[in-house]
PDB file of N, CA and C in Angstrom:
ATOM      1  N   MET A   1     -39.775  53.829 -13.615  1.00  0.00           N
ATOM      2  CA  MET A   1     -40.786  54.244 -13.866  1.00  0.00           C
ATOM      3  C   MET A   1     -42.247  54.009 -13.383  1.00  0.00           C
ATOM      4  N   ASN A   2     -42.917  54.973 -12.774  1.00  0.00           N
ATOM      5  CA  ASN A   2     -43.923  55.041 -12.150  1.00  0.00           C
ATOM      6  C   ASN A   2     -45.405  54.991 -13.028  1.00  0.00           C
ATOM      7  N   ALA A   3     -46.283  54.437 -12.653  1.00  0.00           N
ATOM      8  CA  ALA A   3     -47.669  54.574 -13.112  1.00  0.00           C
ATOM      9  C   ALA A   3     -49.161  54.547 -11.969  1.00  0.00           C
ATOM     10  N   TYR A   4     -49.958  55.461 -12.040  1.00  0.00           N
ATOM     11  CA  TYR A   4     -50.781  55.787 -11.159  1.00  0.00           C
ATOM     12  C   TYR A   4     -52.389  54.917 -11.687  1.00  0.00           C
ATOM     13  N   PHE A   5     -53.009  54.424 -10.950  1.00  0.00           N
ATOM     14  CA  PHE A   5     -54.378  53.759 -11.458  1.00  0.00           C
ATOM     15  C   PHE A   5     -55.430  53.965 -10.599  1.00  0.00           C
ATOM     16  N   GLY A   6     -55.971  55.066 -10.683  1.00  0.00           N
ATOM     17  CA  GLY A   6     -57.318  55.249  -9.754  1.00  0.00           C
ATOM     18  C   GLY A   6     -58.128  54.061  -9.093  1.00  0.00           C
ATOM     19  N   GLN A   7     -58.269  53.693 -10.065  1.00  0.00           N
ATOM     20  CA  GLN A   7     -59.155  52.494 -10.054  1.00  0.00           C
ATOM     21  C   GLN A   7     -58.729  51.366  -9.279  1.00  0.00           C
ATOM     22  N   ILE A   8     -57.506  50.858  -9.028  1.00  0.00           N
ATOM     23  CA  ILE A   8     -57.347  50.032  -7.950  1.00  0.00           C
ATOM     24  C   ILE A   8     -56.562  50.407  -6.545  1.00  0.00           C
ATOM     25  N   MET A   9     -56.680  49.447  -5.762  1.00  0.00           N
ATOM     26  CA  MET A   9     -56.742  49.665  -4.558  1.00  0.00           C
ATOM     27  C   MET A   9     -55.673  48.872  -3.657  1.00  0.00           C
ATOM     28  N   THR A  10     -55.394  48.832  -2.715  1.00  0.00           N
ATOM     29  CA  THR A  10     -53.918  48.117  -1.754  1.00  0.00           C
ATOM     30  C   THR A  10     -54.731  47.113  -1.276  1.00  0.00           C
ATOM     31  N   THR A  11     -56.280  47.041  -1.386  1.00  0.00           N
ATOM     32  CA  THR A  11     -56.837  45.554  -1.243  1.00  0.00           C
ATOM     33  C   THR A  11     -57.125  44.834  -2.390  1.00  0.00           C
ATOM     34  N   ASP A  12     -56.946  45.313  -3.663  1.00  0.00           N
ATOM     35  CA  ASP A  12     -56.845  44.532  -4.878  1.00  0.00           C
ATOM     36  C   ASP A  12     -55.625  43.665  -4.933  1.00  0.00           C
ATOM     37  N   THR A  13     -56.036  42.304  -5.796  1.00  0.00           N
ATOM     38  CA  THR A  13     -55.373  41.424  -6.279  1.00  0.00           C
ATOM     39  C   THR A  13     -55.151  41.846  -7.901  1.00  0.00           C
ATOM     40  N   VAL A  14     -54.066  42.495  -8.216  1.00  0.00           N
ATOM     41  CA  VAL A  14     -53.928  43.068  -9.423  1.00  0.00           C
ATOM     42  C   VAL A  14     -53.548  41.705 -10.732  1.00  0.00           C
ATOM     43  N   LYS A  15     -53.896  41.458 -11.973  1.00  0.00           N
ATOM     44  CA  LYS A  15     -53.383  40.644 -12.512  1.00  0.00           C
ATOM     45  C   LYS A  15     -52.774  41.704 -14.138  1.00  0.00           C
ATOM     46  N   VAL A  16     -51.448  41.361 -13.828  1.00  0.00           N
ATOM     47  CA  VAL A  16     -50.540  42.315 -14.900  1.00  0.00           C
ATOM     48  C   VAL A  16     -49.680  41.521 -16.077  1.00  0.00           C
ATOM     49  N   CYS A  17     -49.783  41.831 -17.155  1.00  0.00           N
ATOM     50  CA  CYS A  17     -49.939  40.870 -18.532  1.00  0.00           C
ATOM     51  C   CYS A  17     -49.065  42.158 -19.310  1.00  0.00           C
ATOM     52  N   TYR A  18     -47.636  41.460 -19.952  1.00  0.00           N
ATOM     53  CA  TYR A  18     -47.308  42.159 -20.607  1.00  0.00           C
ATOM     54  C   TYR A  18     -46.664  41.501 -21.996  1.00  0.00           C
ATOM     55  N   ASP A  19     -46.138  42.136 -22.785  1.00  0.00           N
ATOM     56  CA  ASP A  19     -45.677  41.710 -24.155  1.00  0.00           C
ATOM     57  C   ASP A  19     -44.327  42.023 -24.598  1.00  0.00           C
ATOM     58  N   ALA A  20     -43.665  41.393 -25.081  1.00  0.00           N
ATOM     59  CA  ALA A  20     -42.087  41.962 -25.134  1.00  0.00           C
ATOM     60  C   ALA A  20     -41.704  40.926 -27.074  1.00  0.00           C
ATOM     61  N   LEU A  21     -41.571  42.049 -27.853  1.00  0.00           N
ATOM     62  CA  LEU A  21     -41.549  42.152 -29.390  1.00  0.00           C
ATOM     63  C   LEU A  21     -40.086  42.538 -29.492  1.00  0.00           C
ATOM     64  N   ILE A  22     -39.605  41.379 -30.084  1.00  0.00           N
ATOM     65  CA  ILE A  22     -37.762  41.570 -30.298  1.00  0.00           C
ATOM     66  C   ILE A  22     -37.649  40.931 -31.759  1.00  0.00           C
ATOM     67  N   THR A  23     -37.194  42.187 -32.490  1.00  0.00           N
ATOM     68  CA  THR A  23     -36.827  42.102 -33.844  1.00  0.00           C
ATOM     69  C   THR A  23     -35.796  42.011 -34.170  1.00  0.00           C
ATOM     70  N   GLU A  24     -34.826  40.821 -35.246  1.00  0.00           N
ATOM     71  CA  GLU A  24     -33.898  40.767 -35.530  1.00  0.00           C
ATOM     72  C   GLU A  24     -33.466  39.910 -36.480  1.00  0.00           C
ATOM     73  N   ALA A  25     -33.032  40.920 -37.924  1.00  0.00           N
ATOM     74  CA  ALA A  25     -32.516  40.382 -39.144  1.00  0.00           C
ATOM     75  C   ALA A  25     -33.918  39.585 -39.749  1.00  0.00           C
ATOM     76  N   ASN A  26     -34.957  40.320 -40.121  1.00  0.00           N
ATOM     77  CA  ASN A  26     -36.353  39.940 -40.159  1.00  0.00           C
ATOM     78  C   ASN A  26     -36.885  38.654 -39.588  1.00  0.00           C
ATOM     79  N   SER A  27     -36.737  38.858 -38.265  1.00  0.00           N
ATOM     80  CA  SER A  27     -37.539  37.087 -37.583  1.00  0.00           C
ATOM     81  C   SER A  27     -37.736  37.955 -35.848  1.00  0.00           C
ATOM     82  N   MET A  28     -38.880  37.989 -36.036  1.00  0.00           N
ATOM     83  CA  MET A  28     -39.740  38.579 -34.860  1.00  0.00           C
ATOM     84  C   MET A  28     -39.937  37.628 -33.536  1.00  0.00           C
ATOM     85  N   GLU A  29     -39.868  37.739 -32.716  1.00  0.00           N
ATOM     86  CA  GLU A  29     -39.765  36.966 -31.172  1.00  0.00           C
ATOM     87  C   GLU A  29     -40.802  37.321 -30.110  1.00  0.00           C
ATOM     88  N   THR A  30     -41.781  36.562 -30.128  1.00  0.00           N
ATOM     89  CA  THR A  30     -42.951  37.553 -29.041  1.00  0.00           C
ATOM     90  C   THR A  30     -43.025  36.386 -27.810  1.00  0.00           C
ATOM     91  N   CYS A  31     -43.028  37.375 -26.667  1.00  0.00           N
ATOM     92  CA  CYS A  31     -42.783  36.464 -25.235  1.00  0.00           C
ATOM     93  C   CYS A  31     -43.514  37.763 -24.490  1.00  0.00           C
ATOM     94  N   SER A  32     -45.126  36.381 -24.285  1.00  0.00           N
ATOM     95  CA  SER A  32     -46.341  36.907 -23.188  1.00  0.00           C
ATOM     96  C   SER A  32     -46.065  36.728 -22.007  1.00  0.00           C
ATOM     97  N   ARG A  33     -46.125  37.486 -20.736  1.00  0.00           N
ATOM     98  CA  ARG A  33     -46.329  36.735 -19.706  1.00  0.00           C
ATOM     99  C   ARG A  33     -47.522  37.533 -18.862  1.00  0.00           C
ATOM    100  N   CYS A  34     -48.080  36.877 -17.581  1.00  0.00           N
ATOM    101  CA  CYS A  34     -49.006  37.492 -16.886  1.00  0.00           C
ATOM    102  C   CYS A  34     -48.589  37.220 -15.121  1.00  0.00           C
ATOM    103  N   ASP A  35     -48.847  38.074 -14.705  1.00  0.00           N
ATOM    104  CA  ASP A  35     -48.412  37.834 -12.971  1.00  0.00           C
ATOM    105  C   ASP A  35     -49.459  38.459 -12.063  1.00  0.00           C
ATOM    106  N   SER A  36     -49.814  38.154 -10.958  1.00  0.00           N
ATOM    107  CA  SER A  36     -50.862  38.291  -9.938  1.00  0.00           C
ATOM    108  C   SER A  36     -49.923  39.369  -9.363  1.00  0.00           C
ATOM    109  N   LEU A  37     -50.348  40.121  -8.816  1.00  0.00           N
ATOM    110  CA  LEU A  37     -49.951  41.039  -7.676  1.00  0.00           C
ATOM    111  C   LEU A  37     -50.637  41.302  -6.391  1.00  0.00           C
ATOM    112  N   VAL A  38     -49.857  41.149  -5.427  1.00  0.00           N
ATOM    113  CA  VAL A  38     -50.536  41.577  -4.264  1.00  0.00           C
ATOM    114  C   VAL A  38     -49.772  42.778  -3.462  1.00  0.00           C
ATOM    115  N   PHE A  39     -50.579  43.831  -2.602  1.00  0.00           N
ATOM    116  CA  PHE A  39     -50.197  44.709  -1.760  1.00  0.00           C
ATOM    117  C   PHE A  39     -49.485  44.351  -0.278  1.00  0.00           C
ATOM    118  N   ASP A  40     -48.577  44.145  -0.389  1.00  0.00           N
ATOM    119  CA  ASP A  40     -47.783  43.683   0.739  1.00  0.00           C
ATOM    120  C   ASP A  40     -47.975  44.981   1.906  1.00  0.00           C
ATOM    121  N   GLN A  41     -48.296  44.906   3.203  1.00  0.00           N
ATOM    122  CA  GLN A  41     -49.122  45.951   3.818  1.00  0.00           C
ATOM    123  C   GLN A  41     -47.733  46.263   4.891  1.00  0.00           C
ATOM    124  N   ASN A  42     -46.702  45.224   5.119  1.00  0.00           N
ATOM    125  CA  ASN A  42     -45.509  45.474   5.854  1.00  0.00           C
ATOM    126  C   ASN A  42     -44.427  46.011   5.084  1.00  0.00           C
ATOM    127  N   THR A  43     -44.518  45.811   3.882  1.00  0.00           N
ATOM    128  CA  THR A  43     -43.129  47.075   2.727  1.00  0.00           C
ATOM    129  C   THR A  43     -43.837  47.765   1.980  1.00  0.00           C
ATOM    130  N   TYR A  44     -44.885  47.715   2.121  1.00  0.00           N
ATOM    131  CA  TYR A  44     -45.635  48.880   1.612  1.00  0.00           C
ATOM    132  C   TYR A  44     -45.167  48.741  -0.359  1.00  0.00           C
ATOM    133  N   THR A  45     -44.936  48.081  -1.042  1.00  0.00           N
ATOM    134  CA  THR A  45     -45.048  47.197  -2.336  1.00  0.00           C
ATOM    135  C   THR A  45     -45.784  46.343  -2.665  1.00  0.00           C
ATOM    136  N   TRP A  46     -45.940  46.006  -4.223  1.00  0.00           N
ATOM    137  CA  TRP A  46     -46.734  45.320  -4.793  1.00  0.00           C
ATOM    138  C   TRP A  46     -45.816  44.081  -4.795  1.00  0.00           C
ATOM    139  N   VAL A  47     -46.286  42.639  -4.692  1.00  0.00           N
ATOM    140  CA  VAL A  47     -45.239  41.695  -4.693  1.00  0.00           C
ATOM    141  C   VAL A  47     -46.155  40.642  -5.406  1.00  0.00           C
ATOM    142  N   LEU A  48     -45.475  39.408  -5.851  1.00  0.00           N
ATOM    143  CA  LEU A  48     -46.058  38.722  -6.681  1.00  0.00           C
ATOM    144  C   LEU A  48     -46.732  37.820  -5.720  1.00  0.00           C
ATOM    145  N   PHE A  49     -48.035  37.496  -6.173  1.00  0.00           N
ATOM    146  CA  PHE A  49     -49.101  36.672  -5.191  1.00  0.00           C
ATOM    147  C   PHE A  49     -48.580  35.186  -5.368  1.00  0.00           C
ATOM    148  N   SER A  50     -47.328  34.764  -5.929  1.00  0.00           N
ATOM    149  CA  SER A  50     -47.105  33.343  -5.825  1.00  0.00           C
ATOM    150  C   SER A  50     -46.162  33.423  -5.431  1.00  0.00           C
ATOM    151  N   MET A  51     -45.258  34.301  -4.696  1.00  0.00           N
ATOM    152  CA  MET A  51     -43.809  34.463  -4.311  1.00  0.00           C
ATOM    153  C   MET A  51     -43.943  33.604  -2.845  1.00  0.00           C
ATOM    154  N   GLY A  52     -44.783  33.320  -1.876  1.00  0.00           N
ATOM    155  CA  GLY A  52     -45.142  33.038  -0.856  1.00  0.00           C
ATOM    156  C   GLY A  52     -44.651  31.010  -0.716  1.00  0.00           C
ATOM    157  N   ASN A  53     -44.108  30.560   0.086  1.00  0.00           N
ATOM    158  CA  ASN A  53     -44.347  28.950   0.061  1.00  0.00           C
ATOM    159  C   ASN A  53     -45.061  28.319   0.800  1.00  0.00           C
ATOM    160  N   THR A  54     -46.609  27.556  -0.048  1.00  0.00           N
ATOM    161  CA  THR A  54     -47.573  27.309   0.891  1.00  0.00           C
ATOM    162  C   THR A  54     -47.151  26.097   1.164  1.00  0.00           C
ATOM    163  N   VAL A  55     -46.902  26.219   3.165  1.00  0.00           N
ATOM    164  CA  VAL A  55     -46.702  24.606   3.462  1.00  0.00           C
ATOM    165  C   VAL A  55     -48.068  23.470   3.675  1.00  0.00           C
ATOM    166  N   GLY A  56     -49.456  24.185   3.295  1.00  0.00           N
ATOM    167  CA  GLY A  56     -50.056  23.178   3.632  1.00  0.00           C
ATOM    168  C   GLY A  56     -51.442  24.050   3.232  1.00  0.00           C
ATOM    169  N   VAL A  57     -52.448  23.623   3.039  1.00  0.00           N
ATOM    170  CA  VAL A  57     -54.336  24.272   3.131  1.00  0.00           C
ATOM    171  C   VAL A  57     -55.139  22.964   3.716  1.00  0.00           C
ATOM    172  N   ASN A  58     -55.711  23.798   4.521  1.00  0.00           N
ATOM    173  CA  ASN A  58     -56.420  23.139   5.370  1.00  0.00           C
ATOM    174  C   ASN A  58     -57.838  23.155   4.708  1.00  0.00           C
ATOM    175  N   GLU A  59     -58.947  22.517   4.884  1.00  0.00           N
ATOM    176  CA  GLU A  59     -60.430  22.757   4.949  1.00  0.00           C
ATOM    177  C   GLU A  59     -61.012  22.880   5.619  1.00  0.00           C
ATOM    178  N   LEU A  60     -62.010  24.072   5.554  1.00  0.00           N
ATOM    179  CA  LEU A  60     -63.036  24.619   6.383  1.00  0.00           C
ATOM    180  C   LEU A  60     -63.995  23.801   6.676  1.00  0.00           C
ATOM    181  N   GLN A  61     -64.167  23.681   7.714  1.00  0.00           N
ATOM    182  CA  GLN A  61     -65.517  23.002   8.511  1.00  0.00           C
ATOM    183  C   GLN A  61     -66.890  24.056   9.176  1.00  0.00           C
ATOM    184  N   PHE A  62     -67.764  23.778   8.162  1.00  0.00           N
ATOM    185  CA  PHE A  62     -68.654  24.556   8.980  1.00  0.00           C
ATOM    186  C   PHE A  62     -69.512  23.751  10.041  1.00  0.00           C
ATOM    187  N   ILE A  63     -69.540  24.173  11.218  1.00  0.00           N
ATOM    188  CA  ILE A  63     -70.727  23.622  12.477  1.00  0.00           C
ATOM    189  C   ILE A  63     -71.583  24.637  12.660  1.00  0.00           C
ATOM    190  N   TRP A  64     -72.315  23.954  12.229  1.00  0.00           N
ATOM    191  CA  TRP A  64     -73.697  24.491  12.585  1.00  0.00           C
ATOM    192  C   TRP A  64     -74.103  24.457  14.189  1.00  0.00           C
ATOM    193  N   GLU A  65     -73.952  25.750  14.833  1.00  0.00           N
ATOM    194  CA  GLU A  65     -74.320  26.029  16.313  1.00  0.00           C
ATOM    195  C   GLU A  65     -75.642  26.760  16.125  1.00  0.00           C
ATOM    196  N   ASP A  66     -76.710  26.505  16.468  1.00  0.00           N
ATOM    197  CA  ASP A  66     -77.998  27.562  16.674  1.00  0.00           C
ATOM    198  C   ASP A  66     -78.523  27.529  17.693  1.00  0.00           C
ATOM    199  N   GLY A  67     -78.098  26.465  18.546  1.00  0.00           N
ATOM    200  CA  GLY A  67     -78.834  26.479  20.325  1.00  0.00           C
ATOM    201  C   GLY A  67     -79.803  25.797  19.971  1.00  0.00           C
ATOM    202  N   GLY A  68     -80.448  25.161  19.206  1.00  0.00           N
ATOM    203  CA  GLY A  68     -81.855  24.697  18.752  1.00  0.00           C
ATOM    204  C   GLY A  68     -82.689  25.759  18.300  1.00  0.00           C
ATOM    205  N   LYS A  69     -82.277  26.497  18.096  1.00  0.00           N
ATOM    206  CA  LYS A  69     -83.299  28.174  17.830  1.00  0.00           C
ATOM    207  C   LYS A  69     -83.982  27.809  16.714  1.00  0.00           C
ATOM    208  N   ILE A  70     -85.704  28.232  16.487  1.00  0.00           N
ATOM    209  CA  ILE A  70     -85.972  28.175  15.080  1.00  0.00           C
ATOM    210  C   ILE A  70     -86.281  29.403  14.457  1.00  0.00           C
ATOM    211  N   TYR A  71     -86.113  29.101  13.091  1.00  0.00           N
ATOM    212  CA  TYR A  71     -86.323  30.253  12.309  1.00  0.00           C
ATOM    213  C   TYR A  71     -87.720  30.416  11.078  1.00  0.00           C
ATOM    214  N   ASP A  72     -88.442  31.556  11.068  1.00  0.00           N
ATOM    215  CA  ASP A  72     -89.333  31.679   9.811  1.00  0.00           C
ATOM    216  C   ASP A  72     -88.331  31.881   8.855  1.00  0.00           C
ATOM    217  N   MET A  73     -89.364  31.786   7.165  1.00  0.00           N
ATOM    218  CA  MET A  73     -88.957  31.688   6.258  1.00  0.00           C
ATOM    219  C   MET A  73     -88.180  33.192   6.340  1.00  0.00           C
ATOM    220  N   LEU A  74     -88.632  34.403   7.016  1.00  0.00           N
ATOM    221  CA  LEU A  74     -87.888  35.539   6.706  1.00  0.00           C
ATOM    222  C   LEU A  74     -86.398  35.858   7.714  1.00  0.00           C
ATOM    223  N   GLY A  75     -86.120  34.506   8.287  1.00  0.00           N
ATOM    224  CA  GLY A  75     -84.947  34.828   9.381  1.00  0.00           C
ATOM    225  C   GLY A  75     -85.347  35.138  10.357  1.00  0.00           C
ATOM    226  N   ARG A  76     -86.646  35.258  10.762  1.00  0.00           N
ATOM    227  CA  ARG A  76     -86.935  35.569  11.991  1.00  0.00           C
ATOM    228  C   ARG A  76     -86.552  34.638  13.176  1.00  0.00           C
ATOM    229  N   GLU A  77     -86.195  34.743  14.273  1.00  0.00           N
ATOM    230  CA  GLU A  77     -86.300  33.934  15.641  1.00  0.00           C
ATOM    231  C   GLU A  77     -87.636  33.725  16.112  1.00  0.00           C
ATOM    232  N   LEU A  78     -88.305  32.261  16.132  1.00  0.00           N
ATOM    233  CA  LEU A  78     -89.730  32.271  16.449  1.00  0.00           C
ATOM    234  C   LEU A  78     -89.400  31.123  18.159  1.00  0.00           C
ATOM    235  N   THR A  79     -90.684  31.397  18.585  1.00  0.00           N
ATOM    236  CA  THR A  79     -90.482  31.060  20.169  1.00  0.00           C
ATOM    237  C   THR A  79     -91.049  29.501  20.311  1.00  0.00           C
ATOM    238  N   GLU A  80     -91.718  29.289  19.193  1.00  0.00           N
ATOM    239  CA  GLU A  80     -92.647  27.648  19.003  1.00  0.00           C
ATOM    240  C   GLU A  80     -92.477  27.315  17.735  1.00  0.00           C
ATOM    241  N   ILE A  81     -93.037  25.965  17.271  1.00  0.00           N
ATOM    242  CA  ILE A  81     -92.857  25.484  16.217  1.00  0.00           C
ATOM    243  C   ILE A  81     -94.406  25.943  15.181  1.00  0.00           C
ATOM    244  N   PRO A  82     -94.338  26.539  14.104  1.00  0.00           N
ATOM    245  CA  PRO A  82     -95.529  26.465  13.635  1.00  0.00           C
ATOM    246  C   PRO A  82     -96.456  25.667  12.985  1.00  0.00           C
ATOM    247  N   LEU A  83     -97.344  25.615  13.079  1.00  0.00           N
ATOM    248  CA  LEU A  83     -98.412  24.421  12.144  1.00  0.00           C
ATOM    249  C   LEU A  83     -98.492  24.911  10.798  1.00  0.00           C
ATOM    250  N   GLY A  84     -98.366  23.843  10.109  1.00  0.00           N
ATOM    251  CA  GLY A  84     -98.510  24.333   8.598  1.00  0.00           C
ATOM    252  C   GLY A  84     -97.900  25.293   8.107  1.00  0.00           C
ATOM    253  N   GLU A  85     -96.793  25.343   8.596  1.00  0.00           N
ATOM    254  CA  GLU A  85     -95.904  26.803   7.832  1.00  0.00           C
ATOM    255  C   GLU A  85     -94.528  26.160   7.790  1.00  0.00           C
ATOM    256  N   MET A  86     -93.872  26.393   7.325  1.00  0.00           N
ATOM    257  CA  MET A  86     -92.525  25.977   6.839  1.00  0.00           C
ATOM    258  C   MET A  86     -91.254  27.065   7.567  1.00  0.00           C
ATOM    259  N   TYR A  87     -90.397  26.484   8.543  1.00  0.00           N
ATOM    260  CA  TYR A  87     -89.342  27.096   9.378  1.00  0.00           C
ATOM    261  C   TYR A  87     -88.431  26.323   8.970  1.00  0.00           C
ATOM    262  N   ILE A  88     -87.028  26.938   9.526  1.00  0.00           N
ATOM    263  CA  ILE A  88     -85.649  26.294   9.655  1.00  0.00           C
ATOM    264  C   ILE A  88     -85.279  25.870  11.435  1.00  0.00           C
ATOM    265  N   LYS A  89     -84.470  24.852  11.333  1.00  0.00           N
ATOM    266  CA  LYS A  89     -83.826  24.357  12.413  1.00  0.00           C
ATOM    267  C   LYS A  89     -83.392  23.607  12.390  1.00  0.00           C
ATOM    268  N   GLY A  90     -81.799  23.711  13.058  1.00  0.00           N
ATOM    269  CA  GLY A  90     -80.796  22.746  12.982  1.00  0.00           C
ATOM    270  C   GLY A  90     -80.087  23.140  11.329  1.00  0.00           C
ATOM    271  N   GLY A  91     -80.742  24.048  10.693  1.00  0.00           N
ATOM    272  CA  GLY A  91     -79.897  24.301   9.411  1.00  0.00           C
ATOM    273  C   GLY A  91     -80.573  23.685   8.103  1.00  0.00           C
ATOM    274  N   LYS A  92     -82.154  22.927   8.536  1.00  0.00           N
ATOM    275  CA  LYS A  92     -82.630  22.388   7.670  1.00  0.00           C
ATOM    276  C   LYS A  92     -84.361  23.060   7.511  1.00  0.00           C
ATOM    277  N   LEU A  93     -84.876  22.804   6.640  1.00  0.00           N
ATOM    278  CA  LEU A  93     -85.979  23.354   6.298  1.00  0.00           C
ATOM    279  C   LEU A  93     -87.283  22.337   6.268  1.00  0.00           C
ATOM    280  N   ASN A  94     -88.069  22.565   7.173  1.00  0.00           N
ATOM    281  CA  ASN A  94     -89.010  21.442   7.786  1.00  0.00           C
ATOM    282  C   ASN A  94     -90.239  22.449   7.669  1.00  0.00           C
ATOM    283  N   ILE A  95     -91.717  21.137   7.715  1.00  0.00           N
ATOM    284  CA  ILE A  95     -92.732  22.076   8.302  1.00  0.00           C
ATOM    285  C   ILE A  95     -93.588  20.749   9.128  1.00  0.00           C
ATOM    286  N   THR A  96     -94.452  21.341   9.636  1.00  0.00           N
ATOM    287  CA  THR A  96     -95.462  20.410   9.909  1.00  0.00           C
ATOM    288  C   THR A  96     -96.611  20.475  10.015  1.00  0.00           C
ATOM    289  N   ARG A  97     -97.183  19.163  10.093  1.00  0.00           N
ATOM    290  CA  ARG A  97     -98.793  19.766   9.589  1.00  0.00           C
ATOM    291  C   ARG A  97     -99.840  19.521  10.464  1.00  0.00           C
TER     292      ARG A  97
END
């Protein structure tokens, strides 16, 4: 069985949910399940997001490297520190008087 959903792209992560209802001898059983799917570019198929075995997660460290540049509040690079105005240097907001 195939279905087509024009809003879903292969770069999306898709959450798929389904309910199964079983009725037998005036008794009803319900099963609900949700899974997240991602598109595998190597096999051209949708696979469960949780299928991989995670071996580690590393925290990303952001290192500010601007070479000592100075910027105004609009993000324009300045050649000298402005007097009496706010400016950004080293990722920090500064003001001189």
